[in-house]
Amino acid sequence: MKVKVDRDICIGVGNCVAFAPTVFKLDDENKAVVLDVASADEKTIMEAAESCPVSAIIIEDDNGNQLYP
């Protein structure tokens, strides 16, 4: 699984951090960054992505197929 944050649309709400604090953090620009995808299960990461109000989190499978959004 690959997880990316579209920093152009991230507004720094922090829901992703609340759902998966070992996977996401807010940086100095108050934008989400990915830390360690392997530190949480797929369900938790998907819930974190779904909690983003602007759908800034992009999840792909290992073959590059987009799973979310």
Protein backbone atom coordinates (compact mmCIF):
# COMPACT_ATOMS: atom_id res chain seq x y z
CA MET A 1 0.00 0.00 0.00
CA LYS A 2 1.19 3.49 -0.87
CA VAL A 3 -0.11 6.56 0.91
CA LYS A 4 0.39 10.12 -0.31
CA VAL A 5 -0.89 13.50 0.81
CA ASP A 6 -1.80 16.11 -1.77
CA ARG A 7 -0.29 19.09 0.01
CA ASP A 8 -1.93 21.51 -2.42
CA ILE A 9 -5.36 20.66 -1.03
CA CYS A 10 -4.50 19.66 2.57
CA ILE A 11 -5.94 22.23 4.98
CA GLY A 12 -4.37 20.85 8.16
CA VAL A 13 -7.49 19.77 10.01
CA GLY A 14 -5.56 16.87 11.54
CA ASN A 15 -8.23 14.16 11.43
CA CYS A 16 -5.70 11.83 9.84
CA VAL A 17 -3.35 12.35 12.78
CA ALA A 18 -6.17 11.64 15.23
CA PHE A 19 -7.04 8.35 13.47
CA ALA A 20 -3.48 7.21 12.71
CA PRO A 21 -0.86 9.15 14.69
CA THR A 22 1.92 6.73 13.79
CA VAL A 23 1.20 7.18 10.07
CA PHE A 24 0.53 10.92 9.78
CA LYS A 25 1.72 14.13 11.41
CA LEU A 26 1.27 17.82 10.72
CA ASP A 27 4.48 19.58 9.73
CA ASP A 28 5.62 23.16 10.30
CA GLU A 29 3.31 24.34 7.50
CA ASN A 30 0.36 22.63 9.23
CA LYS A 31 0.10 20.14 6.36
CA ALA A 32 -0.12 16.39 6.77
CA VAL A 33 2.89 14.25 5.95
CA VAL A 34 3.20 10.47 5.87
CA LEU A 35 5.47 8.93 8.49
CA ASP A 36 5.30 5.13 8.48
CA VAL A 37 2.60 3.30 6.55
CA ALA A 38 3.65 -0.05 8.03
CA SER A 39 2.87 1.17 11.56
CA ALA A 40 -0.92 0.76 11.14
CA ASP A 41 -3.29 -1.66 9.47
CA GLU A 42 -5.05 -0.91 6.20
CA LYS A 43 -8.43 -0.38 7.87
CA THR A 44 -7.02 2.34 10.15
CA ILE A 45 -5.28 4.08 7.27
CA MET A 46 -8.45 3.97 5.17
CA GLU A 47 -10.48 5.44 8.06
CA ALA A 48 -7.91 8.23 8.40
CA ALA A 49 -8.13 8.97 4.67
CA GLU A 50 -11.93 8.95 4.75
CA SER A 51 -11.89 11.39 7.68
CA CYS A 52 -10.11 14.05 5.60
CA PRO A 53 -12.69 16.73 4.74
CA VAL A 54 -10.94 17.61 1.46
CA SER A 55 -9.85 14.10 0.38
CA ALA A 56 -6.18 15.06 0.42
CA ILE A 57 -5.01 11.53 1.25
CA ILE A 58 -4.46 9.24 -1.70
CA ILE A 59 -4.18 5.50 -1.16
CA GLU A 60 -2.87 3.14 -3.83
CA ASP A 61 -2.32 -0.60 -3.80
CA ASP A 62 1.12 -2.04 -4.50
CA ASN A 63 0.34 -2.09 -8.23
CA GLY A 64 -0.41 1.64 -8.34
CA ASN A 65 -4.19 1.28 -8.53
CA GLN A 66 -5.91 4.07 -6.65
CA LEU A 67 -8.05 2.75 -3.80
CA TYR A 68 -9.06 6.10 -2.32
CA PRO A 69 -10.47 8.64 -3.07
